[in-house]
Amino acid sequence: MSLSDPIADMLTRIRNALRSRHKVVNVRASKICEGISRVLKDEGYIEDYTKIEDNKQGLLRVYLKYGPLGEDVVTQIQRISRPGCRVYKPVVELPRPLNGLGISVVSTSHGVLSDRECRDKNVGGEVLCIVA
């Protein structure tokens, strides 16, 4: 079975696992999903991720993060740019979720970056998702 939007599949699996209070979720591996996982780890929204090799595409095992009292670290995870409607923004128009408390994940010519890294490097790109 082919998957037309692996990013939306990854975000949906993470969202469902968070609602079910799972500690680990497996998603299909791809370079863009690995980049999103790296950004989420660097920004503190997930504990860690590892790549699991198999005879096919491979898997990314994402270790989810919760607060000290079990509260959610990720309250919102939303896909912005879709295969049917791509959303490109210059650096000055990148969204600031929750007035800077959340992040936007952006695919740029420098790789997959958070909106903060994009402002530091002064690059825009395709807004993949918003995490708050």
N, C-alpha and C. Protein backbone atom coordinates (compact mmCIF):
# COMPACT_ATOMS: atom_id res chain seq x y z
N MET A 1 0.83 -1.18 0.00
CA MET A 1 0.00 0.00 0.00
C MET A 1 0.88 1.25 0.00
N SER A 2 0.63 2.14 -0.91
CA SER A 2 1.41 3.38 -0.94
C SER A 2 0.77 4.41 -0.02
N LEU A 3 1.60 5.25 0.51
CA LEU A 3 1.15 6.27 1.44
C LEU A 3 1.37 7.62 0.78
N SER A 4 0.29 8.37 0.56
CA SER A 4 0.41 9.61 -0.19
C SER A 4 0.97 10.76 0.66
N ASP A 5 0.78 10.72 1.97
CA ASP A 5 1.27 11.81 2.82
C ASP A 5 1.90 11.23 4.10
N PRO A 6 3.19 10.90 4.05
CA PRO A 6 3.83 10.30 5.23
C PRO A 6 3.93 11.25 6.42
N ILE A 7 3.97 12.56 6.18
CA ILE A 7 4.06 13.52 7.27
C ILE A 7 2.76 13.54 8.07
N ALA A 8 1.62 13.58 7.37
CA ALA A 8 0.33 13.56 8.05
C ALA A 8 0.14 12.25 8.80
N ASP A 9 0.62 11.14 8.23
CA ASP A 9 0.53 9.85 8.91
C ASP A 9 1.34 9.87 10.20
N MET A 10 2.54 10.43 10.14
CA MET A 10 3.39 10.51 11.33
C MET A 10 2.74 11.37 12.42
N LEU A 11 2.24 12.53 12.05
CA LEU A 11 1.63 13.43 13.02
C LEU A 11 0.37 12.81 13.63
N THR A 12 -0.40 12.10 12.82
CA THR A 12 -1.61 11.45 13.32
C THR A 12 -1.27 10.33 14.29
N ARG A 13 -0.24 9.55 13.97
CA ARG A 13 0.17 8.48 14.88
C ARG A 13 0.65 9.05 16.22
N ILE A 14 1.42 10.14 16.18
CA ILE A 14 1.89 10.77 17.41
C ILE A 14 0.71 11.33 18.20
N ARG A 15 -0.22 12.01 17.52
CA ARG A 15 -1.39 12.58 18.18
C ARG A 15 -2.23 11.49 18.86
N ASN A 16 -2.47 10.38 18.15
CA ASN A 16 -3.26 9.29 18.72
C ASN A 16 -2.55 8.62 19.89
N ALA A 17 -1.22 8.47 19.78
CA ALA A 17 -0.47 7.85 20.88
C ALA A 17 -0.48 8.75 22.11
N LEU A 18 -0.41 10.05 21.93
CA LEU A 18 -0.46 10.97 23.07
C LEU A 18 -1.81 10.91 23.75
N ARG A 19 -2.89 10.81 22.97
CA ARG A 19 -4.22 10.73 23.57
C ARG A 19 -4.43 9.42 24.31
N SER A 20 -3.75 8.36 23.87
CA SER A 20 -3.86 7.05 24.52
C SER A 20 -2.82 6.86 25.62
N ARG A 21 -1.99 7.88 25.86
CA ARG A 21 -0.97 7.88 26.91
C ARG A 21 0.11 6.82 26.69
N HIS A 22 0.43 6.54 25.43
CA HIS A 22 1.52 5.60 25.14
C HIS A 22 2.86 6.28 25.38
N LYS A 23 3.88 5.47 25.63
CA LYS A 23 5.23 6.01 25.83
C LYS A 23 6.03 5.98 24.55
N VAL A 24 5.69 5.05 23.63
CA VAL A 24 6.44 4.85 22.40
C VAL A 24 5.46 4.70 21.25
N VAL A 25 5.84 5.23 20.08
CA VAL A 25 5.05 5.04 18.87
C VAL A 25 6.01 4.80 17.70
N ASN A 26 5.63 3.90 16.81
CA ASN A 26 6.44 3.60 15.63
C ASN A 26 5.80 4.25 14.42
N VAL A 27 6.62 4.93 13.60
CA VAL A 27 6.16 5.53 12.36
C VAL A 27 7.09 5.09 11.23
N ARG A 28 6.60 5.17 10.01
CA ARG A 28 7.43 4.82 8.87
C ARG A 28 8.56 5.82 8.71
N ALA A 29 9.71 5.31 8.38
CA ALA A 29 10.89 6.17 8.28
C ALA A 29 10.97 6.84 6.92
N SER A 30 11.35 8.08 6.91
CA SER A 30 11.71 8.83 5.71
C SER A 30 12.60 9.98 6.17
N LYS A 31 13.29 10.59 5.24
CA LYS A 31 14.20 11.68 5.63
C LYS A 31 13.44 12.85 6.23
N ILE A 32 12.28 13.17 5.68
CA ILE A 32 11.52 14.31 6.17
C ILE A 32 10.95 14.02 7.57
N CYS A 33 10.49 12.79 7.79
CA CYS A 33 9.97 12.41 9.12
C CYS A 33 11.10 12.39 10.14
N GLU A 34 12.27 11.97 9.73
CA GLU A 34 13.42 11.98 10.63
C GLU A 34 13.81 13.42 10.97
N GLY A 35 13.72 14.32 10.00
CA GLY A 35 14.00 15.73 10.27
C GLY A 35 13.00 16.34 11.23
N ILE A 36 11.72 16.00 11.07
CA ILE A 36 10.69 16.50 11.98
C ILE A 36 10.94 15.97 13.38
N SER A 37 11.31 14.69 13.49
CA SER A 37 11.60 14.10 14.79
C SER A 37 12.79 14.78 15.45
N ARG A 38 13.81 15.11 14.66
CA ARG A 38 14.98 15.80 15.21
C ARG A 38 14.60 17.17 15.77
N VAL A 39 13.75 17.90 15.03
CA VAL A 39 13.32 19.22 15.49
C VAL A 39 12.50 19.09 16.76
N LEU A 40 11.58 18.11 16.82
CA LEU A 40 10.76 17.92 18.01
C LEU A 40 11.63 17.56 19.22
N LYS A 41 12.67 16.77 19.00
CA LYS A 41 13.57 16.41 20.10
C LYS A 41 14.38 17.63 20.55
N ASP A 42 14.92 18.39 19.59
CA ASP A 42 15.72 19.57 19.94
C ASP A 42 14.90 20.62 20.69
N GLU A 43 13.61 20.73 20.36
CA GLU A 43 12.76 21.72 21.01
C GLU A 43 12.12 21.20 22.30
N GLY A 44 12.32 19.91 22.62
CA GLY A 44 11.85 19.37 23.88
C GLY A 44 10.44 18.82 23.88
N TYR A 45 9.88 18.51 22.72
CA TYR A 45 8.52 17.98 22.66
C TYR A 45 8.47 16.46 22.74
N ILE A 46 9.57 15.79 22.40
CA ILE A 46 9.65 14.34 22.56
C ILE A 46 10.96 14.01 23.28
N GLU A 47 11.01 12.83 23.88
CA GLU A 47 12.22 12.42 24.60
C GLU A 47 13.35 12.11 23.63
N ASP A 48 13.07 11.23 22.68
CA ASP A 48 14.10 10.76 21.76
C ASP A 48 13.44 10.04 20.59
N TYR A 49 14.24 9.68 19.62
CA TYR A 49 13.77 8.85 18.51
C TYR A 49 14.95 8.00 18.04
N THR A 50 14.66 6.82 17.54
CA THR A 50 15.68 5.95 16.98
C THR A 50 15.18 5.39 15.67
N LYS A 51 16.12 5.10 14.79
CA LYS A 51 15.76 4.50 13.51
C LYS A 51 15.96 3.00 13.61
N ILE A 52 14.94 2.24 13.23
CA ILE A 52 14.98 0.78 13.27
C ILE A 52 15.02 0.29 11.83
N GLU A 53 16.07 -0.45 11.50
CA GLU A 53 16.21 -0.97 10.14
C GLU A 53 15.43 -2.28 10.02
N ASP A 54 14.77 -2.45 8.89
CA ASP A 54 14.19 -3.73 8.53
C ASP A 54 14.44 -3.94 7.04
N ASN A 55 13.88 -4.96 6.46
CA ASN A 55 14.14 -5.25 5.05
C ASN A 55 13.37 -4.33 4.12
N LYS A 56 12.54 -3.47 4.65
CA LYS A 56 11.73 -2.57 3.84
C LYS A 56 12.21 -1.14 4.03
N GLN A 57 11.27 -0.27 4.32
CA GLN A 57 11.54 1.16 4.44
C GLN A 57 12.22 1.52 5.75
N GLY A 58 11.97 0.78 6.79
CA GLY A 58 12.49 1.11 8.11
C GLY A 58 11.43 1.79 8.95
N LEU A 59 11.70 1.90 10.23
CA LEU A 59 10.78 2.54 11.16
C LEU A 59 11.51 3.56 12.01
N LEU A 60 10.78 4.57 12.44
CA LEU A 60 11.27 5.50 13.44
C LEU A 60 10.51 5.21 14.73
N ARG A 61 11.21 4.92 15.80
CA ARG A 61 10.58 4.72 17.09
C ARG A 61 10.70 6.03 17.85
N VAL A 62 9.55 6.65 18.12
CA VAL A 62 9.50 7.95 18.79
C VAL A 62 9.09 7.73 20.24
N TYR A 63 9.93 8.21 21.17
CA TYR A 63 9.65 8.12 22.60
C TYR A 63 8.98 9.41 23.04
N LEU A 64 7.72 9.31 23.45
CA LEU A 64 6.93 10.49 23.78
C LEU A 64 7.28 11.02 25.17
N LYS A 65 6.95 12.28 25.39
CA LYS A 65 7.33 12.97 26.63
C LYS A 65 6.07 13.51 27.30
N TYR A 66 6.04 13.36 28.61
CA TYR A 66 4.96 13.90 29.43
C TYR A 66 5.58 14.71 30.57
N GLY A 67 4.79 15.58 31.19
CA GLY A 67 5.26 16.40 32.29
C GLY A 67 5.44 15.59 33.57
N PRO A 68 5.94 16.21 34.63
CA PRO A 68 6.21 15.49 35.88
C PRO A 68 4.94 14.92 36.53
N LEU A 69 3.81 15.53 36.30
CA LEU A 69 2.55 15.04 36.86
C LEU A 69 1.73 14.29 35.82
N GLY A 70 2.34 13.95 34.69
CA GLY A 70 1.65 13.20 33.64
C GLY A 70 0.90 14.07 32.64
N GLU A 71 1.07 15.38 32.72
CA GLU A 71 0.36 16.26 31.78
C GLU A 71 1.04 16.21 30.41
N ASP A 72 0.29 16.58 29.39
CA ASP A 72 0.79 16.54 28.02
C ASP A 72 1.80 17.66 27.78
N VAL A 73 2.90 17.32 27.11
CA VAL A 73 3.86 18.34 26.67
C VAL A 73 3.37 18.91 25.34
N VAL A 74 2.85 18.04 24.47
CA VAL A 74 2.29 18.46 23.18
C VAL A 74 0.79 18.57 23.35
N THR A 75 0.26 19.78 23.24
CA THR A 75 -1.18 19.97 23.34
C THR A 75 -1.84 20.06 21.97
N GLN A 76 -1.07 20.46 20.97
CA GLN A 76 -1.62 20.60 19.62
C GLN A 76 -0.53 20.25 18.62
N ILE A 77 -0.90 19.45 17.63
CA ILE A 77 0.01 19.15 16.53
C ILE A 77 -0.83 19.14 15.27
N GLN A 78 -0.53 20.06 14.35
CA GLN A 78 -1.42 20.31 13.21
C GLN A 78 -0.62 20.41 11.93
N ARG A 79 -1.07 19.72 10.88
CA ARG A 79 -0.45 19.76 9.56
C ARG A 79 -0.89 21.03 8.86
N ILE A 80 0.05 21.76 8.28
CA ILE A 80 -0.27 23.01 7.58
C ILE A 80 -0.20 22.80 6.07
N SER A 81 0.97 22.50 5.55
CA SER A 81 1.16 22.31 4.11
C SER A 81 0.81 20.87 3.76
N ARG A 82 -0.07 20.69 2.78
CA ARG A 82 -0.52 19.36 2.38
C ARG A 82 -0.11 19.13 0.92
N PRO A 83 -0.15 17.88 0.46
CA PRO A 83 0.20 17.64 -0.94
C PRO A 83 -0.71 18.38 -1.93
N GLY A 84 -1.96 18.63 -1.55
CA GLY A 84 -2.88 19.33 -2.43
C GLY A 84 -2.79 20.84 -2.34
N CYS A 85 -2.19 21.36 -1.27
CA CYS A 85 -2.11 22.80 -1.08
C CYS A 85 -0.84 23.12 -0.29
N ARG A 86 0.24 23.36 -0.99
CA ARG A 86 1.51 23.67 -0.35
C ARG A 86 1.48 25.10 0.19
N VAL A 87 2.11 25.30 1.34
CA VAL A 87 2.14 26.62 1.98
C VAL A 87 3.60 27.01 2.17
N TYR A 88 4.04 28.03 1.40
CA TYR A 88 5.40 28.54 1.50
C TYR A 88 5.36 29.93 2.10
N LYS A 89 6.28 30.20 3.01
CA LYS A 89 6.32 31.51 3.67
C LYS A 89 7.75 32.02 3.72
N PRO A 90 7.94 33.33 3.50
CA PRO A 90 9.26 33.92 3.76
C PRO A 90 9.49 34.01 5.26
N VAL A 91 10.71 34.29 5.66
CA VAL A 91 11.08 34.26 7.07
C VAL A 91 10.27 35.25 7.91
N VAL A 92 9.90 36.39 7.36
CA VAL A 92 9.16 37.39 8.13
C VAL A 92 7.70 37.00 8.34
N GLU A 93 7.18 36.07 7.55
CA GLU A 93 5.78 35.67 7.67
C GLU A 93 5.60 34.29 8.31
N LEU A 94 6.66 33.70 8.87
CA LEU A 94 6.53 32.39 9.50
C LEU A 94 5.62 32.50 10.72
N PRO A 95 4.68 31.55 10.88
CA PRO A 95 3.76 31.64 12.03
C PRO A 95 4.46 31.43 13.36
N ARG A 96 3.95 32.12 14.39
CA ARG A 96 4.43 31.97 15.76
C ARG A 96 3.28 31.41 16.59
N PRO A 97 3.20 30.08 16.72
CA PRO A 97 2.09 29.50 17.48
C PRO A 97 2.15 29.90 18.95
N LEU A 98 1.01 30.23 19.51
CA LEU A 98 0.88 30.65 20.91
C LEU A 98 1.84 31.79 21.25
N ASN A 99 2.00 32.73 20.33
CA ASN A 99 2.87 33.89 20.51
C ASN A 99 4.30 33.51 20.88
N GLY A 100 4.83 32.46 20.25
CA GLY A 100 6.20 32.06 20.47
C GLY A 100 6.38 30.91 21.45
N LEU A 101 5.31 30.44 22.11
CA LEU A 101 5.43 29.30 23.02
C LEU A 101 5.46 27.97 22.27
N GLY A 102 4.89 27.93 21.07
CA GLY A 102 4.92 26.73 20.24
C GLY A 102 5.95 26.92 19.13
N ILE A 103 6.05 25.93 18.24
CA ILE A 103 6.98 26.03 17.13
C ILE A 103 6.28 25.69 15.82
N SER A 104 6.84 26.22 14.74
CA SER A 104 6.48 25.80 13.40
C SER A 104 7.65 25.00 12.86
N VAL A 105 7.35 23.88 12.21
CA VAL A 105 8.39 23.07 11.59
C VAL A 105 8.40 23.41 10.11
N VAL A 106 9.57 23.82 9.59
CA VAL A 106 9.68 24.35 8.24
C VAL A 106 10.72 23.56 7.47
N SER A 107 10.39 23.19 6.23
CA SER A 107 11.33 22.55 5.33
C SER A 107 12.01 23.63 4.50
N THR A 108 13.33 23.77 4.64
CA THR A 108 14.06 24.83 3.97
C THR A 108 15.17 24.23 3.11
N SER A 109 15.92 25.08 2.46
CA SER A 109 17.08 24.64 1.69
C SER A 109 18.22 24.21 2.62
N HIS A 110 18.12 24.54 3.90
CA HIS A 110 19.10 24.14 4.91
C HIS A 110 18.66 22.90 5.67
N GLY A 111 17.57 22.25 5.25
CA GLY A 111 17.03 21.09 5.93
C GLY A 111 15.76 21.44 6.68
N VAL A 112 15.27 20.52 7.48
CA VAL A 112 14.07 20.74 8.28
C VAL A 112 14.48 21.48 9.55
N LEU A 113 13.88 22.67 9.75
CA LEU A 113 14.24 23.53 10.88
C LEU A 113 12.99 24.00 11.61
N SER A 114 13.19 24.44 12.85
CA SER A 114 12.10 25.10 13.57
C SER A 114 12.05 26.57 13.13
N ASP A 115 10.96 27.25 13.47
CA ASP A 115 10.84 28.65 13.07
C ASP A 115 11.91 29.52 13.73
N ARG A 116 12.37 29.16 14.93
CA ARG A 116 13.43 29.92 15.58
C ARG A 116 14.74 29.80 14.81
N GLU A 117 15.06 28.58 14.39
CA GLU A 117 16.29 28.37 13.60
C GLU A 117 16.19 29.09 12.26
N CYS A 118 14.99 29.12 11.67
CA CYS A 118 14.80 29.83 10.40
C CYS A 118 15.06 31.33 10.56
N ARG A 119 14.60 31.89 11.68
CA ARG A 119 14.84 33.32 11.91
C ARG A 119 16.31 33.60 12.15
N ASP A 120 17.01 32.68 12.82
CA ASP A 120 18.44 32.84 13.04
C ASP A 120 19.22 32.79 11.73
N LYS A 121 18.84 31.87 10.83
CA LYS A 121 19.53 31.69 9.56
C LYS A 121 18.95 32.56 8.45
N ASN A 122 17.83 33.24 8.74
CA ASN A 122 17.17 34.12 7.79
C ASN A 122 16.76 33.38 6.51
N VAL A 123 16.08 32.24 6.68
CA VAL A 123 15.55 31.47 5.55
C VAL A 123 14.09 31.16 5.77
N GLY A 124 13.35 31.12 4.71
CA GLY A 124 11.94 30.72 4.73
C GLY A 124 11.81 29.36 4.06
N GLY A 125 10.59 28.90 3.89
CA GLY A 125 10.38 27.63 3.24
C GLY A 125 8.96 27.16 3.37
N GLU A 126 8.77 25.85 3.23
CA GLU A 126 7.44 25.25 3.31
C GLU A 126 7.12 24.95 4.77
N VAL A 127 6.01 25.50 5.26
CA VAL A 127 5.58 25.28 6.64
C VAL A 127 4.91 23.92 6.70
N LEU A 128 5.57 22.95 7.33
CA LEU A 128 5.05 21.59 7.39
C LEU A 128 3.97 21.42 8.44
N CYS A 129 4.26 21.85 9.67
CA CYS A 129 3.29 21.66 10.76
C CYS A 129 3.55 22.67 11.87
N ILE A 130 2.57 22.73 12.77
CA ILE A 130 2.65 23.57 13.97
C ILE A 130 2.52 22.66 15.18
N VAL A 131 3.40 22.85 16.15
CA VAL A 131 3.35 22.07 17.39
C VAL A 131 3.29 23.05 18.56
N ALA A 132 2.35 22.81 19.45
CA ALA A 132 2.22 23.68 20.64
C ALA A 132 1.96 22.83 21.86
